[in-house]
Amino acid sequence: MFNYQDAFSRNIGWLTENEQELLRHKRVAIAGAGGVGSEHIVTLARLGIGKFNIADFDEYEVHNFNRQAGAFMSTVGKEKVRVMEQVALDINPEAEVRVFEKGIHSENIDEFLRDVDIYVDSLDFFALDARILVFEKCEQLGIPVVTAAPLGMGAAVLCFTPESMGFEQYFRFDDATTEDEKYIKFLVGLSPSMLQRPYLVDPSRADFKAKKGPSTPMAVKMCAGVAGSNVLKILLGRGKVILAPRVLHFDAYRNRLKITWRPNGNRSLMQRLTFNIAKKIVLK
């Protein structure tokens, strides 16, 4: 027989009982139930979050096996949101899970963010239009956002709140003249330090034209840990949160941790230099 207090009792000590009860009644929105999204759902469900809004239009395929928590032979061809809904309910049968099977778009964004306490960005790297839509709406509504990027064998995390620099102000997509330049701006904004770059053994696998790139399971799991910790801090109002225009990047392969500060976002001098270097590498 399921009992919420017993199920999450091992969280107590790092959380107080009152804090655990607060998390029980918080609602987290997660757009993207694939790579990082599936791990976010598992991590936050095990943290005891009691309410979820999950959006994704995709189904599981064999090439998802290296990193996605819901990807198994038994789930190939099944909707990611439905699989991860069941995973969340298997962890906490009392959870309330709202599913958005068509993904995120202008017609359902208001419903997706209704009653949400925090948004965790898990959209595909190349889904910039949907990402911009969600971030702009979160900014309008004052909803905090955590985005964690799986890069190589590490994770970079960016947090946006009403007190931080805004999403567009940081990334400056309006300065880009092509779609590829927008992707590069997003990449260098997520990872100003580019800690992952030296050990990419086959750069041709990062193919912007085909809209695909390499990934590792370690990076995805690190993202869930770092993002989950920041979700906890924001929801409970304790602990220091590193806000944009600062980015925290930890790389386990290189044993390095770096916090960058770009006061003018992608318009900062260092970012413009990084953008030009990345553009030559990616678009050659």
Protein backbone atom coordinates (compact mmCIF):
# COMPACT_ATOMS: atom_id res chain seq x y z
CA MET A 1 0.00 0.00 0.00
CA PHE A 2 1.44 3.39 -1.02
CA ASN A 3 2.07 5.99 1.67
CA TYR A 4 3.56 9.36 0.66
CA GLN A 5 5.42 9.92 3.93
CA ASP A 6 7.01 6.46 3.79
CA ALA A 7 7.82 6.68 0.07
CA PHE A 8 9.85 9.87 0.49
CA SER A 9 11.02 9.47 4.07
CA ARG A 10 14.66 9.11 2.99
CA ASN A 11 14.55 12.70 1.71
CA ILE A 12 14.03 13.85 5.30
CA GLY A 13 17.25 15.05 6.83
CA TRP A 14 18.15 16.96 3.70
CA LEU A 15 14.58 18.25 3.74
CA THR A 16 12.39 18.94 6.73
CA GLU A 17 9.02 17.22 6.94
CA ASN A 18 7.34 20.58 6.34
CA GLU A 19 9.47 21.17 3.23
CA GLN A 20 8.59 17.72 1.90
CA GLU A 21 4.94 18.55 2.34
CA LEU A 22 5.43 21.82 0.46
CA LEU A 23 6.98 19.94 -2.48
CA ARG A 24 4.04 17.55 -2.44
CA HIS A 25 1.77 20.42 -3.47
CA LYS A 26 4.05 22.11 -6.04
CA ARG A 27 3.39 21.88 -9.78
CA VAL A 28 6.29 21.58 -12.21
CA ALA A 29 5.90 22.00 -15.97
CA ILE A 30 8.28 20.05 -18.20
CA ALA A 31 8.24 20.49 -21.98
CA GLY A 32 10.06 17.59 -23.61
CA ALA A 33 9.84 14.07 -22.17
CA GLY A 34 12.84 12.63 -24.01
CA GLY A 35 16.52 12.94 -23.00
CA VAL A 36 16.80 15.37 -20.13
CA GLY A 37 13.02 15.60 -19.75
CA SER A 38 12.53 11.96 -18.84
CA GLU A 39 15.31 12.15 -16.24
CA HIS A 40 13.82 15.37 -14.82
CA ILE A 41 10.47 13.63 -14.41
CA VAL A 42 12.03 10.68 -12.59
CA THR A 43 14.22 12.86 -10.36
CA LEU A 44 11.49 15.31 -9.41
CA ALA A 45 8.95 12.55 -8.85
CA ARG A 46 11.42 10.87 -6.47
CA LEU A 47 11.96 14.23 -4.78
CA GLY A 48 8.26 14.09 -3.95
CA ILE A 49 6.92 16.75 -6.32
CA GLY A 50 3.21 16.02 -6.46
CA LYS A 51 1.98 17.74 -9.62
CA PHE A 52 3.29 17.73 -13.17
CA ASN A 53 2.44 19.20 -16.55
CA ILE A 54 4.30 17.17 -19.21
CA ALA A 55 4.38 17.98 -22.93
CA ASP A 56 5.83 16.05 -25.88
CA PHE A 57 4.51 14.98 -29.27
CA ASP A 58 7.13 12.31 -30.01
CA GLU A 59 7.31 8.52 -29.71
CA TYR A 60 10.19 6.36 -28.54
CA GLU A 61 12.63 5.01 -31.13
CA VAL A 62 15.65 2.73 -30.84
CA HIS A 63 18.12 5.62 -31.19
CA ASN A 64 16.77 7.01 -27.89
CA PHE A 65 18.23 4.08 -25.93
CA ASN A 66 21.55 5.71 -24.99
CA ARG A 67 20.06 8.42 -22.79
CA GLN A 68 16.27 8.45 -22.32
CA ALA A 69 14.83 7.09 -19.09
CA GLY A 70 11.68 5.74 -20.72
CA ALA A 71 13.35 4.14 -23.75
CA PHE A 72 13.19 0.33 -23.77
CA MET A 73 12.29 -2.33 -26.31
CA SER A 74 8.91 -2.48 -24.60
CA THR A 75 8.24 1.24 -25.21
CA VAL A 76 9.39 1.63 -28.83
CA GLY A 77 6.58 3.29 -30.77
CA LYS A 78 4.81 4.48 -27.62
CA GLU A 79 4.17 8.14 -26.81
CA LYS A 80 6.88 9.53 -24.56
CA VAL A 81 4.44 11.56 -22.46
CA ARG A 82 2.27 8.53 -21.78
CA VAL A 83 5.24 6.36 -20.83
CA MET A 84 6.65 9.02 -18.51
CA GLU A 85 3.22 9.74 -17.06
CA GLN A 86 3.09 6.10 -16.01
CA VAL A 87 6.64 6.25 -14.62
CA ALA A 88 5.71 9.26 -12.46
CA LEU A 89 2.56 7.48 -11.25
CA ASP A 90 4.51 4.29 -10.52
CA ILE A 91 6.73 6.35 -8.23
CA ASN A 92 3.86 8.33 -6.71
CA PRO A 93 0.36 6.98 -7.44
CA GLU A 94 -1.08 10.09 -5.78
CA ALA A 95 0.63 12.47 -8.22
CA GLU A 96 -1.47 14.64 -10.49
CA VAL A 97 -0.08 14.50 -14.04
CA ARG A 98 -1.47 16.61 -16.86
CA VAL A 99 -0.35 15.38 -20.28
CA PHE A 100 0.00 17.49 -23.43
CA GLU A 101 0.33 15.00 -26.27
CA LYS A 102 0.65 17.58 -29.04
CA GLY A 103 3.69 19.28 -27.53
CA ILE A 104 3.77 23.01 -26.88
CA HIS A 105 2.30 25.61 -29.22
CA SER A 106 0.58 28.99 -29.09
CA GLU A 107 -2.86 27.46 -28.62
CA ASN A 108 -2.07 25.47 -25.48
CA ILE A 109 0.72 27.45 -23.81
CA ASP A 110 -1.63 29.15 -21.35
CA GLU A 111 -3.11 25.82 -20.26
CA PHE A 112 0.34 24.24 -20.05
CA LEU A 113 1.54 26.92 -17.63
CA ARG A 114 -1.68 27.20 -15.62
CA ASP A 115 -1.04 26.92 -11.85
CA VAL A 116 2.65 26.15 -12.48
CA ASP A 117 5.23 26.99 -9.79
CA ILE A 118 8.33 26.42 -11.96
CA TYR A 119 9.15 25.41 -15.52
CA VAL A 120 11.99 22.99 -16.34
CA ASP A 121 13.12 23.36 -19.95
CA SER A 122 13.66 20.00 -21.64
CA LEU A 123 12.88 20.78 -25.26
CA ASP A 124 15.06 19.46 -28.04
CA PHE A 125 18.07 21.70 -28.67
CA PHE A 126 16.74 22.64 -32.12
CA ALA A 127 13.18 23.48 -30.96
CA LEU A 128 13.94 27.17 -30.63
CA ASP A 129 10.56 28.53 -31.69
CA ALA A 130 8.75 26.50 -29.02
CA ARG A 131 11.46 27.36 -26.48
CA ILE A 132 11.17 31.09 -27.13
CA LEU A 133 7.38 30.84 -26.84
CA VAL A 134 7.54 29.13 -23.44
CA PHE A 135 10.29 31.35 -22.01
CA GLU A 136 8.53 34.55 -23.05
CA LYS A 137 5.27 33.38 -21.47
CA CYS A 138 7.07 32.33 -18.27
CA GLU A 139 8.68 35.77 -18.11
CA GLN A 140 5.28 37.43 -18.52
CA LEU A 141 3.78 35.29 -15.76
CA GLY A 142 6.76 35.53 -13.41
CA ILE A 143 7.35 31.76 -13.49
CA PRO A 144 10.96 30.73 -12.68
CA VAL A 145 12.76 28.65 -15.32
CA VAL A 146 15.59 26.14 -15.01
CA THR A 147 17.32 24.85 -18.13
CA ALA A 148 20.14 22.30 -18.01
CA ALA A 149 22.12 21.39 -21.12
CA PRO A 150 23.75 17.94 -21.50
CA LEU A 151 27.11 18.78 -23.04
CA GLY A 152 29.64 16.01 -23.62
CA MET A 153 29.99 14.35 -20.25
CA GLY A 154 28.86 17.32 -18.23
CA ALA A 155 26.01 19.71 -17.61
CA ALA A 156 25.53 23.46 -17.87
CA VAL A 157 22.66 25.08 -15.99
CA LEU A 158 20.96 28.45 -16.50
CA CYS A 159 18.26 29.81 -14.20
CA PHE A 160 15.86 32.63 -15.02
CA THR A 161 13.61 34.32 -12.45
CA PRO A 162 11.86 37.69 -12.22
CA GLU A 163 15.06 38.97 -10.56
CA SER A 164 17.46 37.74 -13.28
CA MET A 165 18.35 38.82 -16.78
CA GLY A 166 15.65 37.78 -19.24
CA PHE A 167 15.90 34.94 -21.76
CA GLU A 168 15.96 37.07 -24.92
CA GLN A 169 18.13 39.69 -23.27
CA TYR A 170 20.68 36.99 -22.51
CA PHE A 171 20.65 34.96 -25.74
CA ARG A 172 20.00 37.88 -28.17
CA PHE A 173 18.44 35.77 -30.90
CA ASP A 174 17.32 38.99 -32.57
CA ASP A 175 20.97 39.60 -33.56
CA ALA A 176 21.07 36.38 -35.60
CA THR A 177 20.52 36.60 -39.36
CA THR A 178 19.98 32.87 -40.05
CA GLU A 179 18.49 29.87 -38.28
CA ASP A 180 21.94 28.32 -37.91
CA GLU A 181 23.21 31.47 -36.21
CA LYS A 182 20.34 31.20 -33.72
CA TYR A 183 21.41 27.64 -32.89
CA ILE A 184 25.00 28.78 -32.40
CA LYS A 185 23.87 31.63 -30.16
CA PHE A 186 21.90 29.14 -28.10
CA LEU A 187 24.90 26.81 -27.86
CA VAL A 188 27.42 29.44 -26.77
CA GLY A 189 24.87 30.98 -24.41
CA LEU A 190 24.34 27.64 -22.70
CA SER A 191 28.06 26.95 -22.57
CA PRO A 192 30.18 30.12 -22.57
CA SER A 193 33.17 28.14 -21.25
CA MET A 194 32.78 25.36 -23.87
CA LEU A 195 34.39 22.85 -21.48
CA GLN A 196 33.19 19.96 -23.64
CA ARG A 197 34.89 21.07 -26.84
CA PRO A 198 38.41 19.53 -26.44
CA TYR A 199 37.23 15.91 -26.28
CA LEU A 200 34.63 15.82 -29.05
CA VAL A 201 36.31 13.06 -31.09
CA ASP A 202 34.16 13.43 -34.20
CA PRO A 203 32.87 16.99 -34.80
CA SER A 204 31.02 15.84 -37.92
CA ARG A 205 28.46 14.17 -35.65
CA ALA A 206 27.29 17.62 -34.51
CA ASP A 207 25.25 18.27 -37.63
CA PHE A 208 23.20 21.46 -37.50
CA LYS A 209 21.78 20.91 -40.97
CA ALA A 210 20.41 17.48 -40.03
CA LYS A 211 19.44 18.85 -36.59
CA LYS A 212 21.17 16.11 -34.63
CA GLY A 213 24.14 15.79 -32.35
CA PRO A 214 25.93 13.29 -30.10
CA SER A 215 24.93 12.70 -26.49
CA THR A 216 25.89 10.63 -23.44
CA PRO A 217 23.80 9.15 -20.60
CA MET A 218 26.14 10.66 -18.00
CA ALA A 219 25.43 14.20 -19.14
CA VAL A 220 21.68 13.68 -19.07
CA LYS A 221 21.75 12.30 -15.53
CA MET A 222 23.98 15.15 -14.36
CA CYS A 223 21.49 17.63 -15.82
CA ALA A 224 18.71 16.06 -13.78
CA GLY A 225 20.76 16.31 -10.60
CA VAL A 226 21.84 19.90 -11.10
CA ALA A 227 18.44 21.06 -12.34
CA GLY A 228 16.63 19.18 -9.58
CA SER A 229 18.78 20.83 -6.92
CA ASN A 230 17.97 24.26 -8.31
CA VAL A 231 14.27 23.44 -8.55
CA LEU A 232 14.38 22.48 -4.88
CA LYS A 233 16.13 25.72 -3.89
CA ILE A 234 13.75 27.91 -5.87
CA LEU A 235 10.59 26.18 -4.67
CA LEU A 236 11.68 26.14 -1.03
CA GLY A 237 13.28 29.58 -1.10
CA ARG A 238 16.56 28.49 0.42
CA GLY A 239 20.10 28.12 -0.87
CA LYS A 240 21.94 30.28 -3.38
CA VAL A 241 20.70 30.07 -6.97
CA ILE A 242 23.10 31.13 -9.72
CA LEU A 243 21.02 33.30 -12.04
CA ALA A 244 21.49 34.44 -15.64
CA PRO A 245 23.70 36.01 -16.90
CA ARG A 246 25.78 33.54 -14.89
CA VAL A 247 26.08 29.92 -16.05
CA LEU A 248 27.32 26.98 -13.99
CA HIS A 249 29.07 24.29 -16.06
CA PHE A 250 30.49 21.07 -14.61
CA ASP A 251 32.35 18.62 -16.83
CA ALA A 252 33.07 15.20 -15.31
CA TYR A 253 35.38 14.14 -18.13
CA ARG A 254 37.71 17.10 -17.57
CA ASN A 255 37.14 17.29 -13.80
CA ARG A 256 36.32 20.96 -14.10
CA LEU A 257 33.70 23.31 -12.71
CA LYS A 258 33.31 26.81 -14.08
CA ILE A 259 30.89 29.65 -13.40
CA THR A 260 30.84 32.23 -16.17
CA TRP A 261 29.45 35.77 -16.05
CA ARG A 262 28.41 37.54 -19.23
CA PRO A 263 26.78 40.81 -18.10
CA ASN A 264 25.60 41.64 -21.62
CA GLY A 265 24.64 38.08 -22.50
CA ASN A 266 25.61 37.07 -26.01
CA ARG A 267 26.49 40.67 -26.80
CA SER A 268 29.42 40.50 -24.37
CA LEU A 269 32.82 40.69 -26.07
CA MET A 270 33.83 37.18 -24.95
CA GLN A 271 30.56 35.78 -26.26
CA ARG A 272 30.94 37.46 -29.64
CA LEU A 273 34.41 35.93 -29.96
CA THR A 274 33.12 32.50 -28.90
CA PHE A 275 30.24 32.83 -31.37
CA ASN A 276 32.61 33.57 -34.26
CA ILE A 277 34.83 30.61 -33.39
CA ALA A 278 31.87 28.26 -33.04
CA LYS A 279 30.39 29.50 -36.31
CA LYS A 280 33.58 28.64 -38.19
CA ILE A 281 33.68 25.16 -36.65
CA VAL A 282 29.99 24.30 -36.99
CA LEU A 283 29.28 25.78 -40.42
CA LYS A 284 32.52 24.88 -42.18
